[in-house]
Protein backbone atom coordinates (compact mmCIF):
# COMPACT_ATOMS: atom_id res chain seq x y z
CA MET A 1 -74.26 -26.25 -82.10
CA ILE A 2 -76.02 -22.74 -81.61
CA ILE A 3 -74.54 -20.11 -84.00
CA GLU A 4 -74.52 -16.52 -82.48
CA PRO A 5 -73.75 -13.76 -84.91
CA ALA A 6 -72.37 -10.83 -82.81
CA ILE A 7 -73.23 -7.08 -82.64
CA ASP A 8 -70.77 -4.98 -80.58
CA LEU A 9 -72.12 -1.51 -79.65
CA LYS A 10 -70.16 1.47 -78.87
CA ASP A 11 -71.58 4.98 -78.64
CA GLY A 12 -74.74 3.56 -80.31
CA LYS A 13 -72.89 2.19 -83.40
CA VAL A 14 -72.16 -1.32 -84.54
CA VAL A 15 -68.37 -1.77 -84.37
CA ARG A 16 -65.59 -4.24 -84.19
CA LEU A 17 -62.18 -4.20 -82.45
CA LEU A 18 -59.03 -6.02 -83.13
CA LYS A 19 -57.94 -8.12 -80.18
CA GLY A 20 -60.11 -6.06 -77.85
CA ASP A 21 -58.04 -2.81 -78.45
CA PHE A 22 -60.28 0.22 -78.26
CA ASP A 23 -57.85 2.18 -80.30
CA THR A 24 -58.82 -0.14 -83.37
CA VAL A 25 -62.57 0.59 -83.12
CA HIS A 26 -64.33 0.99 -86.48
CA LYS A 27 -68.01 1.06 -87.61
CA VAL A 28 -68.98 -2.15 -89.60
CA ALA A 29 -72.86 -1.52 -89.82
CA GLU A 30 -75.22 1.45 -89.95
CA ASN A 31 -78.14 0.12 -88.15
CA PRO A 32 -78.10 -2.65 -85.34
CA ILE A 33 -81.78 -3.47 -85.89
CA VAL A 34 -81.24 -3.96 -89.67
CA THR A 35 -78.22 -6.03 -88.97
CA ALA A 36 -79.99 -8.27 -86.53
CA GLN A 37 -82.92 -8.61 -89.00
CA ALA A 38 -80.23 -9.93 -91.52
CA PHE A 39 -79.05 -12.36 -89.07
CA ALA A 40 -82.70 -13.57 -88.75
CA ALA A 41 -83.21 -13.86 -92.54
CA ALA A 42 -80.10 -16.10 -92.55
CA GLY A 43 -81.83 -18.52 -90.00
CA ALA A 44 -79.97 -17.50 -86.90
CA LYS A 45 -82.11 -17.55 -83.77
CA TYR A 46 -79.42 -16.14 -81.31
CA ILE A 47 -77.49 -12.91 -81.16
CA HIS A 48 -74.38 -12.26 -78.94
CA MET A 49 -74.48 -8.65 -78.13
CA VAL A 50 -71.71 -6.79 -76.17
CA ASP A 51 -72.02 -3.26 -74.78
CA LEU A 52 -68.46 -2.13 -75.15
CA ASP A 53 -69.09 1.11 -73.18
CA GLY A 54 -70.45 -0.96 -70.42
CA ALA A 55 -67.57 -3.39 -70.52
CA LYS A 56 -64.90 -0.59 -70.14
CA SER A 57 -66.74 1.75 -67.78
CA GLY A 58 -69.17 -0.30 -65.93
CA ARG A 59 -72.08 1.95 -67.24
CA ARG A 60 -74.39 0.52 -69.95
CA VAL A 61 -75.29 3.38 -72.41
CA ASN A 62 -76.69 1.09 -75.25
CA SER A 63 -79.73 -0.38 -73.45
CA ALA A 64 -82.27 1.14 -75.65
CA ILE A 65 -80.78 -0.29 -78.71
CA VAL A 66 -80.46 -3.77 -77.07
CA LYS A 67 -84.22 -3.60 -76.13
CA ALA A 68 -85.13 -2.39 -79.82
CA VAL A 69 -83.37 -5.35 -81.14
CA ALA A 70 -85.16 -7.70 -78.80
CA ASP A 71 -88.63 -6.16 -79.52
CA ARG A 72 -88.19 -5.92 -83.22
CA THR A 73 -86.63 -9.35 -84.05
CA GLY A 74 -87.77 -11.69 -81.31
CA MET A 75 -84.35 -13.33 -81.23
CA LYS A 76 -82.49 -14.75 -78.21
CA ILE A 77 -80.13 -11.97 -77.08
CA GLU A 78 -77.06 -12.98 -75.10
CA LEU A 79 -75.73 -9.79 -73.66
CA GLY A 80 -72.48 -8.91 -71.91
CA GLY A 81 -70.84 -5.61 -70.88
CA GLY A 82 -71.04 -3.75 -67.58
CA ILE A 83 -73.13 -6.32 -65.73
CA ARG A 84 -71.89 -6.21 -62.09
CA CYS A 85 -74.64 -6.52 -59.72
CA MET A 86 -78.02 -7.84 -59.22
CA ALA A 87 -79.57 -4.64 -60.18
CA ASP A 88 -77.71 -4.69 -63.46
CA LEU A 89 -79.23 -8.24 -64.12
CA GLU A 90 -82.78 -7.13 -63.24
CA ALA A 91 -82.44 -4.23 -65.82
CA VAL A 92 -80.96 -6.48 -68.47
CA PHE A 93 -83.62 -8.96 -68.14
CA ALA A 94 -86.19 -6.33 -68.22
CA MET A 95 -85.13 -5.23 -71.61
CA GLY A 96 -85.94 -8.68 -73.00
CA VAL A 97 -82.48 -10.26 -72.89
CA TRP A 98 -82.40 -14.03 -72.80
CA ARG A 99 -79.13 -14.63 -71.25
CA ALA A 100 -76.69 -12.33 -69.41
CA VAL A 101 -72.85 -12.58 -69.61
CA ILE A 102 -70.99 -11.90 -66.41
CA GLY A 103 -67.47 -10.83 -67.30
CA SER A 104 -65.25 -8.65 -64.90
CA ALA A 105 -67.48 -9.19 -61.89
CA ALA A 106 -66.94 -12.80 -62.02
CA VAL A 107 -63.35 -12.31 -61.08
CA THR A 108 -63.86 -9.59 -58.59
CA ASP A 109 -67.11 -10.75 -56.89
CA PRO A 110 -67.60 -14.45 -57.15
CA ASP A 111 -70.49 -14.29 -54.51
CA PHE A 112 -72.32 -12.21 -57.08
CA VAL A 113 -71.97 -15.07 -59.44
CA ARG A 114 -73.25 -17.53 -57.09
CA ALA A 115 -76.31 -15.21 -56.14
CA ALA A 116 -77.02 -14.67 -59.89
CA VAL A 117 -76.95 -18.38 -60.60
CA GLU A 118 -79.13 -19.29 -57.54
CA ARG A 119 -81.75 -16.79 -58.79
CA TYR A 120 -81.61 -16.90 -62.66
CA GLY A 121 -80.08 -20.44 -63.17
CA GLU A 122 -79.09 -21.19 -66.90
CA ARG A 123 -79.80 -17.66 -67.99
CA ILE A 124 -76.39 -16.68 -66.54
CA ALA A 125 -73.19 -17.25 -68.52
CA VAL A 126 -69.65 -16.42 -67.57
CA GLY A 127 -66.98 -14.71 -69.89
CA VAL A 128 -63.64 -16.54 -69.85
CA ASP A 129 -61.60 -13.77 -71.65
CA THR A 130 -58.10 -15.06 -71.97
CA GLN A 131 -54.66 -13.80 -73.16
CA ASP A 132 -51.75 -15.93 -72.86
CA GLY A 133 -53.72 -18.35 -70.66
CA LYS A 134 -54.70 -15.61 -68.16
CA VAL A 135 -58.13 -14.08 -67.54
CA LYS A 136 -58.54 -10.34 -68.54
CA THR A 137 -61.01 -8.05 -67.22
CA ALA A 138 -62.42 -4.47 -67.55
CA GLY A 139 -62.95 -4.59 -71.26
CA TRP A 140 -59.75 -6.96 -71.68
CA ILE A 141 -57.66 -4.05 -70.31
CA GLU A 142 -56.60 -5.48 -66.92
CA ASP A 143 -54.81 -8.78 -66.32
CA SER A 144 -56.23 -10.62 -63.30
CA GLY A 145 -53.30 -13.06 -63.13
CA LEU A 146 -55.85 -15.97 -62.89
CA ASP A 147 -55.29 -19.07 -64.88
CA TYR A 148 -58.18 -19.50 -67.21
CA LEU A 149 -58.69 -23.27 -66.45
CA ALA A 150 -58.60 -22.73 -62.75
CA PHE A 151 -61.09 -19.70 -63.11
CA ALA A 152 -63.39 -21.96 -65.29
CA LYS A 153 -63.48 -24.62 -62.65
CA GLN A 154 -64.31 -22.08 -59.96
CA MET A 155 -67.17 -20.89 -61.89
CA GLU A 156 -68.36 -24.38 -62.56
CA ASP A 157 -68.20 -24.94 -58.89
CA LEU A 158 -70.33 -21.89 -58.29
CA GLY A 159 -72.96 -23.50 -60.57
CA VAL A 160 -72.43 -21.84 -63.73
CA LYS A 161 -73.49 -23.93 -66.77
CA THR A 162 -72.30 -21.91 -69.68
CA LEU A 163 -68.92 -20.29 -70.43
CA ILE A 164 -68.12 -17.82 -73.25
CA PHE A 165 -64.58 -18.50 -74.08
CA THR A 166 -62.50 -15.94 -75.89
CA ASP A 167 -58.86 -15.98 -76.71
CA ILE A 168 -58.16 -12.35 -77.10
CA GLU A 169 -55.19 -13.04 -79.41
CA THR A 170 -57.60 -14.41 -82.03
CA ASP A 171 -60.52 -11.85 -81.56
CA GLY A 172 -61.07 -10.02 -84.82
CA ALA A 173 -58.03 -11.43 -86.33
CA LEU A 174 -59.84 -13.94 -88.81
CA SER A 175 -57.01 -16.44 -87.92
CA GLY A 176 -59.17 -19.29 -86.70
CA PRO A 177 -60.26 -20.11 -83.19
CA SER A 178 -57.86 -21.17 -80.34
CA TYR A 179 -58.62 -24.89 -80.76
CA GLU A 180 -56.01 -26.07 -78.22
CA ARG A 181 -57.24 -23.85 -75.33
CA LEU A 182 -60.76 -24.83 -76.35
CA ARG A 183 -59.93 -28.60 -75.94
CA ALA A 184 -58.17 -27.93 -72.72
CA LEU A 185 -61.24 -26.14 -71.42
CA GLN A 186 -63.58 -28.90 -72.51
CA SER A 187 -61.21 -31.38 -70.59
CA ALA A 188 -61.27 -29.25 -67.57
CA VAL A 189 -65.10 -28.48 -67.11
CA ASP A 190 -68.46 -30.05 -67.97
CA CYS A 191 -69.88 -26.63 -68.74
CA GLN A 192 -71.58 -25.60 -72.06
CA ILE A 193 -68.70 -23.91 -73.94
CA VAL A 194 -69.28 -21.09 -76.47
CA ALA A 195 -66.38 -20.39 -78.70
CA SER A 196 -65.59 -16.73 -79.44
CA GLY A 197 -62.81 -15.01 -81.42
CA GLY A 198 -61.04 -16.00 -84.48
CA VAL A 199 -63.93 -17.70 -86.56
CA SER A 200 -62.87 -16.82 -90.12
CA ASN A 201 -64.86 -19.11 -92.45
CA ASN A 202 -67.37 -21.93 -92.59
CA GLN A 203 -64.62 -24.57 -92.30
CA ASP A 204 -64.02 -23.10 -88.74
CA ILE A 205 -67.59 -23.63 -87.91
CA GLU A 206 -67.50 -27.31 -89.10
CA ARG A 207 -64.47 -27.94 -87.02
CA LEU A 208 -66.02 -26.39 -83.95
CA ALA A 209 -69.20 -28.45 -84.48
CA GLU A 210 -67.10 -31.70 -84.79
CA MET A 211 -65.52 -30.78 -81.36
CA GLY A 212 -69.05 -30.96 -79.89
CA LEU A 213 -69.14 -27.32 -78.67
CA TYR A 214 -72.34 -25.90 -77.38
CA GLY A 215 -72.04 -22.68 -79.54
CA ALA A 216 -69.90 -20.45 -81.74
CA ILE A 217 -69.90 -16.66 -82.05
CA ILE A 218 -69.39 -15.14 -85.47
CA GLY A 219 -68.17 -11.55 -85.45
CA LYS A 220 -65.69 -10.05 -87.91
CA ALA A 221 -66.05 -12.88 -90.41
CA TYR A 222 -69.80 -11.86 -90.96
CA TYR A 223 -68.92 -8.24 -91.52
CA ALA A 224 -65.88 -8.99 -93.74
CA GLY A 225 -67.93 -11.34 -95.89
CA THR A 226 -65.59 -14.41 -95.36
CA ILE A 227 -68.39 -16.59 -93.91
CA ASP A 228 -71.81 -17.77 -95.11
CA LEU A 229 -73.99 -17.25 -92.01
CA ALA A 230 -76.91 -19.28 -93.48
CA GLU A 231 -74.46 -22.02 -94.22
CA ALA A 232 -73.00 -21.67 -90.87
CA VAL A 233 -76.42 -22.10 -89.24
CA ARG A 234 -77.03 -25.18 -91.31
CA THR A 235 -73.86 -26.69 -90.13
CA GLY A 236 -74.68 -25.95 -86.57
CA GLY A 237 -77.86 -27.87 -86.77
CA GLU A 238 -81.22 -27.33 -85.08
CA GLN A 239 -81.09 -23.90 -83.21
């Protein structure tokens, strides 16, 4: 299972939110490059990065930082936030990003997802951001009304191989992942599933690995000091 420590960017700063609420934003690290280098020192090979400004407004304003992290660390960067057309994908991949996460646009423009997968294959992932079983968009502000399992199946039918599943109720809460919804998703699709939201300690990583998930994202637990990242990487196995 791949381990993806997270860097969320807003106004150029490394921040965290609670349950996606922008009113709870607070800085958790001074320097994104130094933070990424610490991830690498712990053995991580991947970083999950989110441009929160892009997710909310559709305009990515943290691109220079993302490129700097890619250039300075050599880690595989999975980036989401504000990716809504082919030009966005071209710009993102030109920055050295390994995999792009399409979020809101997957709901509003499935044809874009189809075209993206046809062109870039497994370098495309789709975010399944869920609250009470419904898919949320626009930085988790708007309710699409779509059932998350039906949406996941639709994405699989379009050729998407990787889904980033977030239960918003657990995000940043250090309460443990949404295991039941993850199991339901595993039963519904054959896609690679990355668990995001709620990871609070190394026992959560062990449990997710036992479920046979493809990946796990570690966010607040790292910054709060409740998880040993090096141990999590060892639990995940070969990266």
